[in-house]
């Protein structure tokens, strides 16, 4: 139940929620969020996207902050600046790769840190086409600094995303946080242990002195 007549914080997922998969953000959606912003309600866009994919959101709305990379980054949307980040150390990345190569035969990896995206040659790129045209034989070559996200893909669809998630949750228990956003992609996304969209959003609400009763969130 929301205290008072209106929330103090609104958080929304992007893709598949307020951003259609096959089209632009609607004028109606922008108008609704603009009205909330004008009423003094804090707006958070919460997403698995990295900051480099937030240009359309910044241009459409012109206000708000963002929680990016499945909770790993607190991002100042309007000033294009990462304010805080919760990263996976290199030794954790190496452990993740070692464990999943054994438990998920056929998996190939990509990782993201700073403005960089790196992938193994056999990792099929869906969205960052052209960002890393060469790739490396083994992702260990690029594990040189803390990363905000790792991605694992079974390029021949040896496992579904649901199967990959089930196995990874077991193999990486106590090591990292794992999720997926599309059950048909044979893709999992990996963050630092304890990092998720919900955890980071809860942290932002707590800092603002808000409880769950003051907040509205929708999407995944």
Foldseek 3Di string as FASTA:
>chain_A
DAPDDAFQEEEEEEDPTQQDPPDGRDPVVLVVVQVCVVVNRAYEYEYLADLVPCPSVCVSRVDHWYQYNQQQFTAHNNVGDTDGGDWAFLVLVVLLVVQCCVQPPQKWKWFADDPAIATAPLDDDDPPPPRYPDHHPHCNVVSDGTTAKMKIANNVCPDWLVVSVVRSCVRCPVRWDKDDDDRHGRMIMTGGPPGGRVSNVVVVCVVVVHDPSNYHYDDD
